């Protein structure tokens, strides 16, 4: 007998039977073919349908119970829906199997293609998971490489400024440690950070023997910092991040484009002039980097500094409620998203690193009372109270 290909099966007829005496499987198969012969005409003759591959191998399972035989029948078909139901109805006309009386009932007709669709969906999910796992592995590999490059950060001079490899003639000066880390991750090694907005004496001294390139954020605060640094150190070039972006969040491509578009320091100053009519003088320079903590309760400062000890050195950040209870601990990269997505009211944010102008402005927008960090960028008229850790 021909065996129908599993690929061509459309439906599966499920039937149960009950016979009064003892039977074997061949008795059941013989009754199916014998008692349906000539019943449905030549086009639906079951023997011919099986030879043509339109009906598959008929499976029978049975067991003897108290002198009777109970069992199940499965008939796979590649016929259409109406022809399959006719075959199923013909099976119920069988009233004898072997020498005994029997009763066959159709329990269900299963659309096998539905099972195939379920298989396809489940298999597709597994294949997708394997692709995502591979993508995660690639991401892990990329992160590992970036972190290994970032670990090359070192401390320079008595002020222990964060820096990369300064052995070459050209040195890129950025604002904070996070900027240094980002450049190192993207294979820009000749970099040093100021650790804030106030120019360290070490960098001024470095300008006497190296060609300095100042790399600033693409906002008003960056331009204010540039005027301060250029007036107090020998800066040859100025590179600016894209508008509204900070150096610490740039991609490798954006870093290289910004550095290629750098301008001579004098040309940069002539282009920006006074920033919105604001010019630096000595008194203003000092106040731009000063953090006024006198108006804050002493217990608040000490409480936040105590909580900070749990993340010190981790480069992570904490979000606290009004009771100084930790709502979330996240990486510095996720701090903006975490503040925006917070369900509970945020009272304070602690950052083991530099609080950028973007974070300070976001804290102002969300009405956050305190922002504690190692360093801060310059944001005039910030409402959030800044605490230096």
Protein backbone atom coordinates (compact mmCIF):
# COMPACT_ATOMS: atom_id res chain seq x y z
CA UNK A 1 0.00 0.00 0.00
CA UNK A 2 1.16 3.52 -0.73
CA UNK A 3 2.12 5.67 2.22
CA UNK A 4 0.95 9.27 2.08
CA UNK A 5 3.68 11.88 2.46
CA UNK A 6 3.38 13.76 5.79
CA UNK A 7 3.87 16.98 3.84
CA UNK A 8 0.65 16.43 1.84
CA UNK A 9 -1.63 15.56 4.76
CA UNK A 10 -4.46 18.07 5.21
CA UNK A 11 -6.80 16.34 7.63
CA UNK A 12 -6.74 13.52 10.18
CA UNK A 13 -9.97 11.55 10.80
CA UNK A 14 -10.15 10.33 14.40
CA UNK A 15 -12.65 7.55 15.21
CA UNK A 16 -13.33 5.21 18.09
CA UNK A 17 -14.86 1.76 17.87
CA UNK A 18 -16.36 -0.90 20.09
CA UNK A 19 -16.76 -4.59 19.11
CA UNK A 20 -18.49 -7.36 21.02
CA UNK A 21 -15.71 -9.96 20.61
CA UNK A 22 -11.96 -10.29 20.38
CA UNK A 23 -10.34 -8.62 17.36
CA UNK A 24 -6.93 -7.98 15.81
CA UNK A 25 -5.76 -4.91 13.87
CA UNK A 26 -6.01 -6.62 10.45
CA UNK A 27 -9.69 -7.29 11.20
CA UNK A 28 -10.33 -3.58 11.60
CA UNK A 29 -8.35 -2.58 8.48
CA UNK A 30 -10.10 -5.24 6.44
CA UNK A 31 -13.54 -4.08 7.57
CA UNK A 32 -12.73 -0.47 6.60
CA UNK A 33 -11.72 -1.35 3.07
CA UNK A 34 -14.24 -4.17 2.63
CA UNK A 35 -17.41 -2.51 3.89
CA UNK A 36 -16.77 0.84 2.15
CA UNK A 37 -15.97 -0.79 -1.20
CA UNK A 38 -18.36 0.40 -3.91
CA UNK A 39 -20.22 2.52 -1.38
CA UNK A 40 -18.98 5.92 -2.57
CA UNK A 41 -18.30 5.28 -6.26
CA UNK A 42 -14.99 4.88 -8.05
CA UNK A 43 -13.75 8.41 -7.29
CA UNK A 44 -13.83 7.83 -3.53
CA UNK A 45 -12.86 4.15 -3.48
CA UNK A 46 -10.59 3.93 -0.43
CA UNK A 47 -8.20 1.34 -1.87
CA UNK A 48 -7.69 3.50 -4.98
CA UNK A 49 -7.33 6.66 -2.92
CA UNK A 50 -4.59 5.02 -0.89
CA UNK A 51 -2.77 3.84 -4.02
CA UNK A 52 -2.91 7.41 -5.34
CA UNK A 53 -1.55 8.76 -2.05
CA UNK A 54 -4.73 10.66 -1.20
CA UNK A 55 -5.28 8.53 1.90
CA UNK A 56 -2.35 7.58 4.09
CA UNK A 57 -1.58 4.62 6.28
CA UNK A 58 -4.54 3.82 8.54
CA UNK A 59 -3.43 3.45 12.15
CA UNK A 60 -5.37 1.27 14.62
CA UNK A 61 -4.88 0.89 18.38
CA UNK A 62 -7.03 -1.50 20.42
CA UNK A 63 -7.36 -3.29 23.74
CA UNK A 64 -9.51 -6.11 25.09
CA UNK A 65 -11.80 -5.25 28.01
CA UNK A 66 -14.15 -7.87 29.56
CA UNK A 67 -14.32 -9.92 26.34
CA UNK A 68 -14.94 -6.84 24.22
CA UNK A 69 -12.56 -4.87 22.03
CA UNK A 70 -12.23 -1.09 22.31
CA UNK A 71 -9.99 0.97 20.06
CA UNK A 72 -9.18 4.07 18.02
CA UNK A 73 -8.70 4.62 14.29
CA UNK A 74 -6.72 7.40 12.56
CA UNK A 75 -7.11 8.03 8.82
CA UNK A 76 -4.86 10.72 7.28
CA UNK A 77 -6.13 12.32 4.07
CA UNK A 78 -4.94 14.73 1.42
CA UNK A 79 -8.47 15.22 0.14
CA UNK A 80 -10.38 18.46 0.38
CA UNK A 81 -12.68 19.25 3.28
CA UNK A 82 -15.93 17.90 1.76
CA UNK A 83 -14.36 14.66 0.48
CA UNK A 84 -12.74 14.04 3.87
CA UNK A 85 -16.07 14.41 5.69
CA UNK A 86 -17.69 11.96 3.24
CA UNK A 87 -14.97 9.37 3.97
CA UNK A 88 -15.49 9.96 7.71
CA UNK A 89 -19.25 9.49 7.43
CA UNK A 90 -18.69 6.26 5.43
CA UNK A 91 -16.66 4.81 8.33
CA UNK A 92 -19.67 5.13 10.62
CA UNK A 93 -21.68 2.80 8.32
CA UNK A 94 -19.43 -0.14 9.28
CA UNK A 95 -21.46 -2.38 11.62
CA UNK A 96 -19.34 -5.56 11.73
CA UNK A 97 -15.65 -6.13 12.23
CA UNK A 98 -14.54 -9.70 11.73
CA UNK A 99 -17.14 -12.06 13.13
CA UNK A 100 -18.59 -9.62 15.67
CA UNK A 101 -20.90 -6.66 15.71
CA UNK A 102 -19.18 -3.31 16.01
CA UNK A 103 -19.93 0.40 16.34
CA UNK A 104 -17.63 3.11 14.87
CA UNK A 105 -18.04 6.79 15.79
CA UNK A 106 -16.10 9.78 14.44
CA UNK A 107 -14.68 11.72 17.41
CA UNK A 108 -13.17 14.60 15.41
CA UNK A 109 -11.65 15.66 12.10
CA UNK A 110 -8.39 17.54 12.72
CA UNK A 111 -6.96 20.14 10.35
CA UNK A 112 -3.32 19.04 10.42
CA UNK A 113 -2.21 22.27 8.79
CA UNK A 114 -3.19 24.10 11.96
CA UNK A 115 -0.72 21.96 13.89
CA UNK A 116 1.88 22.72 11.25
CA UNK A 117 1.24 26.42 11.65
CA UNK A 118 1.70 26.09 15.41
CA UNK A 119 4.94 24.22 14.78
CA UNK A 120 6.12 26.91 12.38
CA UNK A 121 5.37 29.68 14.90
CA UNK A 122 7.09 27.87 17.79
CA UNK A 123 10.07 26.97 15.64
CA UNK A 124 10.33 30.53 14.37
CA UNK A 125 10.38 31.77 17.98
CA UNK A 126 13.25 29.44 18.81
CA UNK A 127 15.16 30.51 15.71
CA UNK A 128 14.55 34.15 16.61
CA UNK A 129 15.83 33.51 20.14
CA UNK A 130 18.99 31.97 18.70
CA UNK A 131 19.49 35.04 16.53
CA UNK A 132 18.93 37.34 19.51
CA UNK A 133 21.34 35.28 21.60
CA UNK A 134 23.92 35.69 18.87
CA UNK A 135 23.20 39.40 18.81
CA UNK A 136 23.58 39.57 22.58
CA UNK A 137 26.88 37.69 22.32
CA UNK A 138 28.10 40.21 19.77
CA UNK A 139 26.94 43.01 22.05
CA UNK A 140 28.72 41.38 25.01
CA UNK A 141 31.89 41.08 22.92
CA UNK A 142 31.63 44.71 21.85
CA UNK A 143 31.02 45.82 25.44
CA UNK A 144 33.95 43.76 26.68
CA UNK A 145 36.27 45.35 24.15
CA UNK A 146 34.99 48.84 25.04
CA UNK A 147 35.33 48.24 28.75
CA UNK A 148 38.85 46.86 28.34
CA UNK A 149 39.82 50.01 26.46
CA UNK A 150 38.13 52.18 29.12
CA UNK A 151 40.15 50.42 31.82
CA UNK A 152 43.26 52.01 30.33
CA UNK A 153 42.26 55.26 32.03
CA UNK A 154 44.95 56.62 34.33
CA UNK A 155 45.45 59.52 36.73
CA UNK A 156 47.60 62.42 35.61
CA UNK A 157 49.52 64.84 37.79
CA UNK A 158 49.00 65.94 41.38
CA UNK A 159 45.35 66.70 40.67
CA UNK A 160 44.84 63.07 39.52
CA UNK A 161 43.05 64.05 36.33
CA UNK A 162 41.49 61.20 34.33
CA UNK A 163 43.57 60.59 31.20
CA UNK A 164 44.54 58.15 28.49
CA UNK A 165 47.86 57.95 26.66
CA UNK A 166 49.46 61.41 26.61
CA UNK A 167 52.78 60.36 25.08
CA UNK A 168 52.01 61.93 21.70
CA UNK A 169 52.30 65.57 20.72
CA UNK A 170 48.55 66.21 20.51
CA UNK A 171 46.25 65.98 23.55
CA UNK A 172 42.45 66.30 23.54
CA UNK A 173 41.04 68.12 26.57
CA UNK A 174 37.49 67.26 27.62
CA UNK A 175 35.33 68.29 30.53
CA UNK A 176 34.97 65.23 32.78
CA UNK A 177 35.81 61.60 33.44
CA UNK A 178 32.75 60.33 31.55
CA UNK A 179 33.97 62.14 28.42
CA UNK A 180 37.41 60.54 28.81
CA UNK A 181 35.86 57.08 29.21
CA UNK A 182 33.73 57.52 26.07
CA UNK A 183 36.69 58.59 23.95
CA UNK A 184 38.81 55.69 25.21
CA UNK A 185 35.98 53.26 24.38
CA UNK A 186 36.01 54.61 20.84
CA UNK A 187 39.80 54.26 20.42
CA UNK A 188 40.66 57.94 20.97
CA UNK A 189 43.42 57.51 23.55
CA UNK A 190 45.18 60.90 23.68
CA UNK A 191 42.64 62.49 26.01
CA UNK A 192 42.56 64.18 29.43
CA UNK A 193 39.64 65.44 31.51
CA UNK A 194 39.38 68.66 33.52
CA UNK A 195 37.18 67.06 36.21
CA UNK A 196 34.71 69.92 36.04
CA UNK A 197 34.33 73.36 34.51
CA UNK A 198 37.28 75.00 36.25
CA UNK A 199 40.57 74.65 34.37
CA UNK A 200 43.18 72.67 36.36
CA UNK A 201 46.71 74.04 36.53
CA UNK A 202 48.05 70.70 35.25
CA UNK A 203 46.36 71.26 31.87
CA UNK A 204 47.66 74.81 31.60
CA UNK A 205 51.15 73.42 32.19
CA UNK A 206 50.52 70.62 29.68
CA UNK A 207 49.79 73.24 26.98
CA UNK A 208 53.38 74.47 27.20
CA UNK A 209 54.71 71.19 25.73
CA UNK A 210 51.70 69.68 23.92
CA UNK A 211 49.28 70.82 21.23
CA UNK A 212 45.93 70.98 23.03
CA UNK A 213 42.57 70.35 21.35
CA UNK A 214 39.59 71.40 23.48
CA UNK A 215 36.55 69.14 22.85
CA UNK A 216 33.35 70.66 24.28
CA UNK A 217 29.64 69.81 24.53
CA UNK A 218 27.34 71.17 21.82
CA UNK A 219 25.43 73.55 24.07
CA UNK A 220 25.75 77.01 25.58
CA UNK A 221 27.52 75.60 28.61
CA UNK A 222 30.21 74.14 26.37
CA UNK A 223 30.85 77.53 24.78
CA UNK A 224 31.10 79.19 28.18
CA UNK A 225 33.65 76.59 29.27
CA UNK A 226 35.60 77.12 26.03
CA UNK A 227 35.93 80.87 26.68
CA UNK A 228 37.22 80.15 30.17
CA UNK A 229 39.74 77.51 29.11
CA UNK A 230 41.06 79.40 26.08
CA UNK A 231 41.67 82.49 28.19
CA UNK A 232 43.69 80.49 30.74
CA UNK A 233 45.59 77.91 28.68
CA UNK A 234 47.33 77.59 25.33
CA UNK A 235 44.60 75.94 23.25
CA UNK A 236 45.37 75.39 19.57
CA UNK A 237 42.09 73.88 18.41
CA UNK A 238 38.43 73.64 19.49
CA UNK A 239 36.14 70.75 18.53
CA UNK A 240 32.43 70.92 19.28
CA UNK A 241 29.95 68.06 19.72
CA UNK A 242 26.79 68.17 17.54
CA UNK A 243 24.13 70.65 18.72
CA UNK A 244 22.44 69.56 21.94
CA UNK A 245 24.75 66.58 22.46
CA UNK A 246 27.40 65.96 25.10
CA UNK A 247 30.81 64.44 24.45
CA UNK A 248 30.12 61.53 26.80
CA UNK A 249 27.13 60.34 24.72
CA UNK A 250 28.66 60.57 21.23
CA UNK A 251 29.17 57.54 19.01
CA UNK A 252 32.57 56.75 17.55
CA UNK A 253 31.54 58.21 14.20
CA UNK A 254 30.27 61.44 15.79
CA UNK A 255 33.51 61.81 17.76
CA UNK A 256 35.67 61.52 14.63
CA UNK A 257 33.48 63.92 12.63
CA UNK A 258 33.59 66.51 15.42
CA UNK A 259 37.36 66.25 15.71
CA UNK A 260 37.80 66.60 11.93
CA UNK A 261 35.69 69.78 11.97
CA UNK A 262 37.78 71.41 14.71
CA UNK A 263 38.61 75.11 14.38
CA UNK A 264 41.64 77.13 15.45
CA UNK A 265 40.93 78.60 18.88
CA UNK A 266 41.01 82.22 17.65
CA UNK A 267 38.60 81.48 14.81
CA UNK A 268 36.29 79.68 17.22
CA UNK A 269 36.21 82.70 19.55
CA UNK A 270 35.56 85.09 16.69
CA UNK A 271 32.65 82.97 15.50
CA UNK A 272 30.86 82.70 18.84
CA UNK A 273 31.70 86.19 20.20
CA UNK A 274 29.85 86.68 23.44
CA UNK A 275 27.58 83.72 24.19
CA UNK A 276 24.11 85.31 24.30
CA UNK A 277 25.77 88.53 25.47
CA UNK A 278 27.53 86.74 28.32
CA UNK A 279 31.31 87.08 28.74
CA UNK A 280 33.57 85.54 31.35
CA UNK A 281 35.36 87.61 33.91
CA UNK A 282 37.26 86.32 36.89
CA UNK A 283 34.38 86.67 39.32
CA UNK A 284 31.94 84.92 36.98
CA UNK A 285 34.43 82.11 36.22
CA UNK A 286 34.72 81.32 39.88
CA UNK A 287 30.97 81.38 40.50
CA UNK A 288 30.22 79.17 37.47
CA UNK A 289 31.95 76.21 39.06
CA UNK A 290 31.00 76.89 42.65
CA UNK A 291 28.33 74.76 44.31
CA UNK A 292 26.30 76.53 46.97
CA UNK A 293 25.53 74.02 49.70
CA UNK A 294 25.13 76.49 52.55
CA UNK A 295 21.34 76.65 52.18
CA UNK A 296 20.97 72.87 52.47
CA UNK A 297 20.31 71.11 55.80
CA UNK A 298 23.47 69.42 57.03
CA UNK A 299 21.69 66.15 57.69
CA UNK A 300 20.56 65.99 54.02
CA UNK A 301 24.12 66.38 52.75
CA UNK A 302 25.51 63.82 55.15
CA UNK A 303 22.64 61.42 54.48
CA UNK A 304 23.19 61.51 50.71
CA UNK A 305 26.94 61.16 51.10
CA UNK A 306 26.37 58.14 53.34
CA UNK A 307 24.09 56.52 50.76
CA UNK A 308 26.70 57.26 48.09
CA UNK A 309 29.18 54.95 49.83
CA UNK A 310 27.15 51.95 48.58
CA UNK A 311 28.01 52.78 44.94
CA UNK A 312 31.36 54.51 45.34
CA UNK A 313 33.72 53.49 42.57
CA UNK A 314 31.02 51.60 40.62
CA UNK A 315 30.13 54.41 38.16
CA UNK A 316 26.48 53.64 38.93
CA UNK A 317 23.70 56.02 39.95
CA UNK A 318 20.95 55.97 42.56
CA UNK A 319 17.43 57.40 42.54
CA UNK A 320 15.98 58.15 45.99
CA UNK A 321 12.51 58.97 47.30
CA UNK A 322 11.66 61.64 49.90
CA UNK A 323 12.71 59.29 52.71
CA UNK A 324 16.11 58.76 51.08
CA UNK A 325 15.09 55.18 50.31
CA UNK A 326 16.61 53.78 47.12
CA UNK A 327 14.04 53.50 44.30
CA UNK A 328 16.46 52.22 41.68
CA UNK A 329 20.16 51.59 41.11
CA UNK A 330 21.16 51.98 37.47
CA UNK A 331 24.19 52.55 35.29
CA UNK A 332 25.06 56.14 34.41
CA UNK A 333 23.99 55.52 30.80
CA UNK A 334 20.43 54.80 31.93
CA UNK A 335 20.03 57.72 34.35
CA UNK A 336 18.02 59.98 31.98
CA UNK A 337 15.62 57.16 31.01
CA UNK A 338 15.23 56.10 34.65
CA UNK A 339 14.32 59.63 35.77
CA UNK A 340 11.80 60.03 32.95
CA UNK A 341 10.23 56.61 33.61
CA UNK A 342 10.10 56.78 37.40
CA UNK A 343 6.69 56.03 38.91
CA UNK A 344 7.45 57.24 42.43
CA UNK A 345 8.28 60.86 43.22
CA UNK A 346 12.05 61.40 43.11
CA UNK A 347 13.64 63.53 45.81
CA UNK A 348 17.34 63.01 45.07
CA UNK A 349 19.71 61.58 42.48
CA UNK A 350 23.24 60.39 43.29
CA UNK A 351 25.79 59.89 40.50
CA UNK A 352 29.19 58.27 40.89
CA UNK A 353 30.61 60.46 38.17
CA UNK A 354 29.87 63.75 36.44
CA UNK A 355 26.40 65.29 36.38
CA UNK A 356 26.07 66.61 32.84
CA UNK A 357 24.12 69.70 31.88
CA UNK A 358 21.43 67.43 30.40
CA UNK A 359 20.92 65.62 33.71
CA UNK A 360 20.87 68.87 35.69
CA UNK A 361 18.23 70.34 33.36
CA UNK A 362 16.18 67.13 33.57
CA UNK A 363 16.27 67.27 37.39
CA UNK A 364 14.99 70.85 37.17
CA UNK A 365 12.16 69.81 34.84
CA UNK A 366 11.12 66.95 37.17
CA UNK A 367 11.29 69.10 40.30
CA UNK A 368 13.99 66.96 41.95
CA UNK A 369 15.33 68.59 45.10
CA UNK A 370 18.93 67.30 45.30
CA UNK A 371 21.55 66.11 42.81
CA UNK A 372 24.78 64.69 44.25
CA UNK A 373 27.79 63.88 42.02
CA UNK A 374 31.57 63.90 41.88
CA UNK A 375 31.61 66.70 39.28
CA UNK A 376 29.15 69.03 37.59
CA UNK A 377 28.98 70.79 34.24
CA UNK A 378 28.00 74.44 34.19
CA UNK A 379 24.27 75.18 34.07
CA UNK A 380 23.48 78.77 35.07
CA UNK A 381 20.38 79.26 37.25
CA UNK A 382 19.94 75.56 38.03
CA UNK A 383 17.11 75.06 40.52
CA UNK A 384 18.13 71.62 41.80
CA UNK A 385 20.48 71.82 44.80
CA UNK A 386 23.89 70.39 43.86
CA UNK A 387 25.92 68.40 46.39
CA UNK A 388 29.57 67.63 45.71
CA UNK A 389 30.51 64.11 46.85
